[in-house]
Amino acid sequence: MLERLFPRRKPQKKPLPQPNAQLALGALLVRVALANRQYLAAEVAQIDKVLSATFNLKPLDAAKLRAECEALERDAPGTPEFTKILRAEVDYADRKALGDAMWAVAMADGRRDDDEEIQLLAIETALGLTAEDIEAARKNALGGL
């Protein structure tokens, strides 16, 4: 009876933040980690490490940023929108370093995964990295695998 008088309303979602370079990078890192439909603790830790090092954040602040990026990745636009932001705000050398950081996330679990590699190639291409730089990052990340 009370349900009829006071129907439950779905909670309203918080509006998504406007993506900037930090959020775009974080969302892409999360997207790479989720490419194989697994989100392992080692990948989460690597994302936090990349965010902390890239943006000079304390570990707690990097974790908060990652949590915001997870929500953004889940509900936000696709990869091209994120890479467009990074291409506009980040110079080539730093975008190349971002590609290396994404490989570090993909390899954090110590295993190769075709889905992650496909996602990485799409992101690196959209970031405007050269084929040579993409291949060099791939070889460096895979090392002896």
N, C-alpha and C. Protein backbone atom coordinates (compact mmCIF):
# COMPACT_ATOMS: atom_id res chain seq x y z
N MET A 1 0.81 -1.19 0.00
CA MET A 1 0.00 0.00 0.00
C MET A 1 0.86 1.27 0.00
N LEU A 2 1.87 1.28 0.86
CA LEU A 2 2.75 2.44 0.89
C LEU A 2 3.46 2.65 -0.44
N GLU A 3 3.76 1.54 -1.11
CA GLU A 3 4.44 1.63 -2.41
C GLU A 3 3.57 2.39 -3.41
N ARG A 4 2.28 2.19 -3.33
CA ARG A 4 1.37 2.88 -4.25
C ARG A 4 1.29 4.38 -3.92
N LEU A 5 1.32 4.68 -2.65
CA LEU A 5 1.27 6.08 -2.23
C LEU A 5 2.59 6.82 -2.45
N PHE A 6 3.67 6.09 -2.24
CA PHE A 6 4.99 6.69 -2.36
C PHE A 6 5.86 5.84 -3.29
N PRO A 7 5.59 5.91 -4.59
CA PRO A 7 6.38 5.07 -5.50
C PRO A 7 7.85 5.47 -5.47
N ARG A 8 8.68 4.49 -5.61
CA ARG A 8 10.13 4.74 -5.61
C ARG A 8 10.53 5.36 -6.93
N ARG A 9 11.34 6.35 -6.81
CA ARG A 9 11.88 6.97 -8.02
C ARG A 9 13.31 6.49 -8.19
N LYS A 10 13.65 6.29 -9.44
CA LYS A 10 15.04 5.93 -9.72
C LYS A 10 15.92 7.12 -9.38
N PRO A 11 17.06 6.85 -8.75
CA PRO A 11 17.95 7.97 -8.45
C PRO A 11 18.47 8.58 -9.75
N GLN A 12 18.55 9.88 -9.77
CA GLN A 12 19.06 10.55 -10.95
C GLN A 12 20.57 10.41 -11.00
N LYS A 13 21.05 10.13 -12.20
CA LYS A 13 22.50 10.01 -12.37
C LYS A 13 23.15 11.38 -12.26
N LYS A 14 24.34 11.38 -11.68
CA LYS A 14 25.11 12.61 -11.65
C LYS A 14 25.52 12.95 -13.08
N PRO A 15 25.48 14.21 -13.45
CA PRO A 15 25.91 14.55 -14.80
C PRO A 15 27.40 14.24 -14.97
N LEU A 16 27.75 13.80 -16.17
CA LEU A 16 29.15 13.48 -16.44
C LEU A 16 29.97 14.76 -16.53
N PRO A 17 31.21 14.71 -16.05
CA PRO A 17 32.06 15.89 -16.18
C PRO A 17 32.45 16.08 -17.65
N GLN A 18 32.74 17.31 -18.00
CA GLN A 18 33.21 17.60 -19.35
C GLN A 18 34.63 17.03 -19.48
N PRO A 19 34.86 16.15 -20.44
CA PRO A 19 36.19 15.54 -20.55
C PRO A 19 37.29 16.56 -20.84
N ASN A 20 38.39 16.40 -20.14
CA ASN A 20 39.61 17.15 -20.42
C ASN A 20 40.70 16.12 -20.64
N ALA A 21 41.94 16.55 -20.76
CA ALA A 21 43.02 15.61 -21.05
C ALA A 21 43.16 14.55 -19.97
N GLN A 22 43.04 14.94 -18.69
CA GLN A 22 43.16 13.96 -17.60
C GLN A 22 42.07 12.91 -17.69
N LEU A 23 40.84 13.36 -17.83
CA LEU A 23 39.72 12.43 -17.88
C LEU A 23 39.73 11.59 -19.15
N ALA A 24 40.13 12.19 -20.26
CA ALA A 24 40.19 11.45 -21.52
C ALA A 24 41.23 10.34 -21.43
N LEU A 25 42.42 10.67 -20.91
CA LEU A 25 43.46 9.65 -20.76
C LEU A 25 42.99 8.55 -19.82
N GLY A 26 42.47 8.93 -18.67
CA GLY A 26 42.01 7.93 -17.70
C GLY A 26 40.94 7.03 -18.28
N ALA A 27 39.99 7.61 -18.99
CA ALA A 27 38.92 6.81 -19.59
C ALA A 27 39.48 5.85 -20.64
N LEU A 28 40.47 6.29 -21.41
CA LEU A 28 41.08 5.40 -22.40
C LEU A 28 41.87 4.28 -21.72
N LEU A 29 42.54 4.59 -20.61
CA LEU A 29 43.25 3.54 -19.87
C LEU A 29 42.27 2.50 -19.35
N VAL A 30 41.15 2.97 -18.83
CA VAL A 30 40.11 2.04 -18.34
C VAL A 30 39.57 1.23 -19.51
N ARG A 31 39.36 1.88 -20.64
CA ARG A 31 38.82 1.19 -21.82
C ARG A 31 39.77 0.08 -22.28
N VAL A 32 41.06 0.34 -22.25
CA VAL A 32 42.04 -0.69 -22.61
C VAL A 32 41.95 -1.85 -21.64
N ALA A 33 41.91 -1.54 -20.35
CA ALA A 33 41.85 -2.60 -19.33
C ALA A 33 40.58 -3.43 -19.46
N LEU A 34 39.49 -2.83 -19.87
CA LEU A 34 38.22 -3.53 -19.99
C LEU A 34 38.03 -4.23 -21.34
N ALA A 35 38.96 -4.05 -22.26
CA ALA A 35 38.80 -4.58 -23.62
C ALA A 35 38.58 -6.09 -23.62
N ASN A 36 39.18 -6.80 -22.67
CA ASN A 36 39.01 -8.26 -22.62
C ASN A 36 37.90 -8.67 -21.64
N ARG A 37 37.08 -7.68 -21.24
CA ARG A 37 35.95 -7.91 -20.35
C ARG A 37 36.36 -8.38 -18.96
N GLN A 38 37.58 -8.06 -18.58
CA GLN A 38 38.07 -8.31 -17.22
C GLN A 38 38.70 -7.01 -16.74
N TYR A 39 38.60 -6.77 -15.46
CA TYR A 39 39.18 -5.56 -14.88
C TYR A 39 39.89 -6.00 -13.62
N LEU A 40 41.15 -6.34 -13.79
CA LEU A 40 41.92 -6.95 -12.71
C LEU A 40 42.59 -5.91 -11.83
N ALA A 41 42.87 -6.31 -10.60
CA ALA A 41 43.50 -5.41 -9.63
C ALA A 41 44.84 -4.89 -10.15
N ALA A 42 45.58 -5.74 -10.86
CA ALA A 42 46.88 -5.30 -11.40
C ALA A 42 46.69 -4.18 -12.42
N GLU A 43 45.62 -4.26 -13.20
CA GLU A 43 45.35 -3.22 -14.19
C GLU A 43 44.91 -1.93 -13.50
N VAL A 44 44.08 -2.05 -12.49
CA VAL A 44 43.65 -0.88 -11.73
C VAL A 44 44.86 -0.19 -11.10
N ALA A 45 45.74 -0.96 -10.51
CA ALA A 45 46.95 -0.41 -9.89
C ALA A 45 47.83 0.28 -10.93
N GLN A 46 47.94 -0.32 -12.10
CA GLN A 46 48.76 0.29 -13.16
C GLN A 46 48.13 1.60 -13.65
N ILE A 47 46.81 1.63 -13.77
CA ILE A 47 46.14 2.87 -14.16
C ILE A 47 46.41 3.96 -13.13
N ASP A 48 46.28 3.63 -11.86
CA ASP A 48 46.57 4.61 -10.80
C ASP A 48 48.01 5.09 -10.89
N LYS A 49 48.93 4.18 -11.15
CA LYS A 49 50.35 4.54 -11.26
C LYS A 49 50.57 5.48 -12.44
N VAL A 50 49.96 5.20 -13.57
CA VAL A 50 50.11 6.06 -14.76
C VAL A 50 49.52 7.43 -14.48
N LEU A 51 48.31 7.48 -13.92
CA LEU A 51 47.68 8.77 -13.63
C LEU A 51 48.50 9.57 -12.63
N SER A 52 49.01 8.90 -11.62
CA SER A 52 49.83 9.56 -10.61
C SER A 52 51.10 10.15 -11.22
N ALA A 53 51.79 9.36 -12.02
CA ALA A 53 53.04 9.83 -12.63
C ALA A 53 52.79 10.90 -13.69
N THR A 54 51.76 10.72 -14.50
CA THR A 54 51.50 11.65 -15.60
C THR A 54 51.06 13.01 -15.11
N PHE A 55 50.24 13.03 -14.07
CA PHE A 55 49.66 14.29 -13.61
C PHE A 55 50.17 14.72 -12.24
N ASN A 56 51.23 14.07 -11.76
CA ASN A 56 51.86 14.41 -10.48
C ASN A 56 50.83 14.42 -9.35
N LEU A 57 50.10 13.30 -9.22
CA LEU A 57 49.06 13.17 -8.21
C LEU A 57 49.50 12.26 -7.08
N LYS A 58 48.98 12.51 -5.89
CA LYS A 58 49.17 11.59 -4.78
C LYS A 58 48.35 10.34 -5.08
N PRO A 59 48.72 9.19 -4.50
CA PRO A 59 48.00 7.94 -4.80
C PRO A 59 46.49 8.03 -4.60
N LEU A 60 46.04 8.66 -3.52
CA LEU A 60 44.61 8.78 -3.27
C LEU A 60 43.92 9.63 -4.35
N ASP A 61 44.59 10.70 -4.76
CA ASP A 61 44.02 11.56 -5.81
C ASP A 61 43.97 10.82 -7.14
N ALA A 62 44.99 10.01 -7.41
CA ALA A 62 44.99 9.21 -8.65
C ALA A 62 43.84 8.20 -8.63
N ALA A 63 43.60 7.59 -7.47
CA ALA A 63 42.50 6.63 -7.36
C ALA A 63 41.15 7.32 -7.55
N LYS A 64 41.00 8.51 -6.99
CA LYS A 64 39.76 9.27 -7.17
C LYS A 64 39.56 9.63 -8.64
N LEU A 65 40.63 10.05 -9.30
CA LEU A 65 40.56 10.38 -10.72
C LEU A 65 40.18 9.14 -11.53
N ARG A 66 40.78 8.00 -11.20
CA ARG A 66 40.45 6.76 -11.91
C ARG A 66 38.97 6.42 -11.74
N ALA A 67 38.45 6.57 -10.52
CA ALA A 67 37.04 6.27 -10.28
C ALA A 67 36.15 7.17 -11.14
N GLU A 68 36.52 8.42 -11.26
CA GLU A 68 35.75 9.34 -12.11
C GLU A 68 35.87 8.92 -13.59
N CYS A 69 37.06 8.48 -13.97
CA CYS A 69 37.29 8.03 -15.34
C CYS A 69 36.52 6.75 -15.65
N GLU A 70 36.37 5.89 -14.66
CA GLU A 70 35.59 4.66 -14.86
C GLU A 70 34.14 5.01 -15.19
N ALA A 71 33.58 5.97 -14.45
CA ALA A 71 32.21 6.39 -14.72
C ALA A 71 32.11 7.05 -16.09
N LEU A 72 33.07 7.86 -16.41
CA LEU A 72 33.08 8.53 -17.71
C LEU A 72 33.20 7.52 -18.84
N GLU A 73 34.09 6.54 -18.69
CA GLU A 73 34.26 5.52 -19.73
C GLU A 73 32.97 4.74 -19.94
N ARG A 74 32.28 4.46 -18.88
CA ARG A 74 31.06 3.65 -18.94
C ARG A 74 29.93 4.39 -19.66
N ASP A 75 29.81 5.69 -19.46
CA ASP A 75 28.65 6.43 -19.95
C ASP A 75 28.96 7.51 -20.97
N ALA A 76 30.19 7.65 -21.35
CA ALA A 76 30.60 8.78 -22.20
C ALA A 76 30.76 8.39 -23.66
N PRO A 77 31.17 9.35 -24.44
CA PRO A 77 31.34 9.10 -25.87
C PRO A 77 32.43 8.08 -26.15
N GLY A 78 32.58 7.77 -27.40
CA GLY A 78 33.54 6.75 -27.81
C GLY A 78 34.97 7.24 -27.86
N THR A 79 35.83 6.33 -28.25
CA THR A 79 37.26 6.57 -28.32
C THR A 79 37.62 7.80 -29.16
N PRO A 80 37.00 8.01 -30.32
CA PRO A 80 37.40 9.18 -31.12
C PRO A 80 37.27 10.51 -30.39
N GLU A 81 36.25 10.66 -29.57
CA GLU A 81 36.07 11.90 -28.83
C GLU A 81 37.19 12.10 -27.81
N PHE A 82 37.57 11.03 -27.12
CA PHE A 82 38.65 11.12 -26.15
C PHE A 82 39.98 11.41 -26.84
N THR A 83 40.26 10.71 -27.92
CA THR A 83 41.55 10.92 -28.60
C THR A 83 41.61 12.30 -29.23
N LYS A 84 40.49 12.84 -29.65
CA LYS A 84 40.47 14.19 -30.22
C LYS A 84 40.91 15.20 -29.16
N ILE A 85 40.42 15.03 -27.94
CA ILE A 85 40.83 15.91 -26.84
C ILE A 85 42.33 15.81 -26.61
N LEU A 86 42.84 14.59 -26.56
CA LEU A 86 44.28 14.40 -26.31
C LEU A 86 45.12 14.94 -27.46
N ARG A 87 44.67 14.76 -28.70
CA ARG A 87 45.42 15.29 -29.84
C ARG A 87 45.48 16.81 -29.79
N ALA A 88 44.42 17.43 -29.31
CA ALA A 88 44.37 18.89 -29.24
C ALA A 88 45.21 19.45 -28.08
N GLU A 89 45.29 18.71 -26.98
CA GLU A 89 45.91 19.24 -25.77
C GLU A 89 47.30 18.69 -25.45
N VAL A 90 47.71 17.62 -26.12
CA VAL A 90 48.96 16.94 -25.76
C VAL A 90 49.86 16.85 -26.99
N ASP A 91 51.13 17.24 -26.82
CA ASP A 91 52.03 17.19 -27.98
C ASP A 91 52.39 15.74 -28.33
N TYR A 92 52.99 15.57 -29.51
CA TYR A 92 53.21 14.22 -30.04
C TYR A 92 54.05 13.35 -29.11
N ALA A 93 55.14 13.88 -28.59
CA ALA A 93 56.02 13.08 -27.73
C ALA A 93 55.27 12.56 -26.51
N ASP A 94 54.42 13.40 -25.95
CA ASP A 94 53.65 12.98 -24.78
C ASP A 94 52.55 11.99 -25.18
N ARG A 95 51.96 12.15 -26.36
CA ARG A 95 50.98 11.16 -26.83
C ARG A 95 51.65 9.82 -27.05
N LYS A 96 52.88 9.85 -27.54
CA LYS A 96 53.64 8.61 -27.72
C LYS A 96 53.85 7.95 -26.35
N ALA A 97 54.19 8.74 -25.34
CA ALA A 97 54.35 8.21 -23.99
C ALA A 97 53.02 7.66 -23.46
N LEU A 98 51.91 8.28 -23.83
CA LEU A 98 50.60 7.77 -23.42
C LEU A 98 50.35 6.39 -24.03
N GLY A 99 50.77 6.22 -25.28
CA GLY A 99 50.65 4.91 -25.91
C GLY A 99 51.42 3.85 -25.13
N ASP A 100 52.64 4.21 -24.70
CA ASP A 100 53.44 3.28 -23.89
C ASP A 100 52.74 2.97 -22.57
N ALA A 101 52.13 4.00 -21.97
CA ALA A 101 51.42 3.82 -20.69
C ALA A 101 50.21 2.88 -20.87
N MET A 102 49.54 3.01 -22.00
CA MET A 102 48.39 2.13 -22.26
C MET A 102 48.84 0.69 -22.43
N TRP A 103 49.99 0.49 -23.06
CA TRP A 103 50.54 -0.87 -23.16
C TRP A 103 50.87 -1.42 -21.78
N ALA A 104 51.39 -0.56 -20.90
CA ALA A 104 51.70 -1.00 -19.54
C ALA A 104 50.43 -1.48 -18.83
N VAL A 105 49.32 -0.80 -19.04
CA VAL A 105 48.05 -1.22 -18.45
C VAL A 105 47.63 -2.56 -19.04
N ALA A 106 47.71 -2.67 -20.36
CA ALA A 106 47.29 -3.91 -21.03
C ALA A 106 48.12 -5.11 -20.57
N MET A 107 49.37 -4.89 -20.28
CA MET A 107 50.27 -5.98 -19.90
C MET A 107 50.41 -6.15 -18.38
N ALA A 108 49.65 -5.36 -17.61
CA ALA A 108 49.77 -5.42 -16.15
C ALA A 108 49.45 -6.79 -15.59
N ASP A 109 48.61 -7.55 -16.29
CA ASP A 109 48.27 -8.90 -15.82
C ASP A 109 49.26 -9.95 -16.32
N GLY A 110 50.26 -9.51 -17.10
CA GLY A 110 51.30 -10.43 -17.58
C GLY A 110 50.88 -11.30 -18.75
N ARG A 111 49.72 -11.00 -19.36
CA ARG A 111 49.23 -11.83 -20.47
C ARG A 111 48.89 -10.97 -21.67
N ARG A 112 49.13 -11.54 -22.84
CA ARG A 112 48.69 -10.91 -24.08
C ARG A 112 47.21 -11.20 -24.27
N ASP A 113 46.52 -10.24 -24.83
CA ASP A 113 45.10 -10.43 -25.11
C ASP A 113 44.80 -9.74 -26.43
N ASP A 114 44.23 -10.48 -27.36
CA ASP A 114 43.93 -9.93 -28.69
C ASP A 114 42.98 -8.75 -28.62
N ASP A 115 41.96 -8.82 -27.78
CA ASP A 115 41.00 -7.73 -27.66
C ASP A 115 41.67 -6.45 -27.17
N GLU A 116 42.56 -6.58 -26.20
CA GLU A 116 43.29 -5.41 -25.71
C GLU A 116 44.19 -4.85 -26.79
N GLU A 117 44.86 -5.72 -27.53
CA GLU A 117 45.75 -5.25 -28.58
C GLU A 117 44.99 -4.53 -29.69
N ILE A 118 43.81 -5.04 -30.03
CA ILE A 118 42.97 -4.38 -31.04
C ILE A 118 42.54 -3.00 -30.55
N GLN A 119 42.12 -2.93 -29.30
CA GLN A 119 41.71 -1.65 -28.71
C GLN A 119 42.88 -0.68 -28.70
N LEU A 120 44.06 -1.18 -28.32
CA LEU A 120 45.25 -0.33 -28.29
C LEU A 120 45.60 0.21 -29.66
N LEU A 121 45.56 -0.62 -30.66
CA LEU A 121 45.88 -0.18 -32.02
C LEU A 121 44.92 0.91 -32.46
N ALA A 122 43.64 0.74 -32.17
CA ALA A 122 42.66 1.76 -32.54
C ALA A 122 42.94 3.08 -31.83
N ILE A 123 43.28 3.02 -30.56
CA ILE A 123 43.56 4.24 -29.79
C ILE A 123 44.84 4.89 -30.29
N GLU A 124 45.90 4.11 -30.47
CA GLU A 124 47.17 4.69 -30.92
C GLU A 124 47.01 5.33 -32.29
N THR A 125 46.26 4.69 -33.17
CA THR A 125 46.02 5.26 -34.49
C THR A 125 45.24 6.56 -34.37
N ALA A 126 44.20 6.57 -33.55
CA ALA A 126 43.40 7.77 -33.36
C ALA A 126 44.19 8.89 -32.68
N LEU A 127 45.20 8.53 -31.89
CA LEU A 127 46.07 9.53 -31.28
C LEU A 127 47.03 10.14 -32.30
N GLY A 128 47.08 9.57 -33.50
CA GLY A 128 47.94 10.10 -34.54
C GLY A 128 49.37 9.60 -34.47
N LEU A 129 49.60 8.48 -33.78
CA LEU A 129 50.95 7.92 -33.68
C LEU A 129 51.32 7.26 -35.01
N THR A 130 52.60 7.32 -35.35
CA THR A 130 53.05 6.71 -36.59
C THR A 130 53.08 5.19 -36.44
N ALA A 131 53.03 4.51 -37.56
CA ALA A 131 53.08 3.04 -37.55
C ALA A 131 54.37 2.56 -36.89
N GLU A 132 55.46 3.27 -37.11
CA GLU A 132 56.75 2.89 -36.51
C GLU A 132 56.70 3.01 -34.99
N ASP A 133 56.12 4.10 -34.50
CA ASP A 133 56.03 4.30 -33.05
C ASP A 133 55.08 3.29 -32.41
N ILE A 134 54.00 2.97 -33.11
CA ILE A 134 53.06 1.97 -32.61
C ILE A 134 53.74 0.61 -32.50
N GLU A 135 54.46 0.24 -33.52
CA GLU A 135 55.15 -1.06 -33.52
C GLU A 135 56.24 -1.10 -32.45
N ALA A 136 56.98 0.01 -32.29
CA ALA A 136 58.03 0.07 -31.27
C ALA A 136 57.43 -0.08 -29.87
N ALA A 137 56.30 0.57 -29.62
CA ALA A 137 55.65 0.46 -28.30
C ALA A 137 55.19 -0.97 -28.06
N ARG A 138 54.64 -1.58 -29.09
CA ARG A 138 54.15 -2.96 -28.98
C ARG A 138 55.31 -3.91 -28.67
N LYS A 139 56.40 -3.79 -29.42
CA LYS A 139 57.56 -4.66 -29.18
C LYS A 139 58.13 -4.45 -27.79
N ASN A 140 58.21 -3.19 -27.36
CA ASN A 140 58.75 -2.88 -26.05
C ASN A 140 57.87 -3.49 -24.95
N ALA A 141 56.56 -3.38 -25.10
CA ALA A 141 55.63 -3.89 -24.09
C ALA A 141 55.62 -5.41 -24.03
N LEU A 142 55.70 -6.03 -25.20
CA LEU A 142 55.62 -7.48 -25.24
C LEU A 142 56.93 -8.14 -24.85
N GLY A 143 58.01 -7.43 -25.01
CA GLY A 143 59.32 -7.95 -24.61
C GLY A 143 59.53 -9.37 -25.05
N GLY A 144 59.64 -10.26 -24.11
CA GLY A 144 59.92 -11.67 -24.40
C GLY A 144 58.67 -12.52 -24.61
N LEU A 145 57.49 -11.92 -24.58
CA LEU A 145 56.27 -12.72 -24.73
C LEU A 145 56.04 -13.13 -26.16
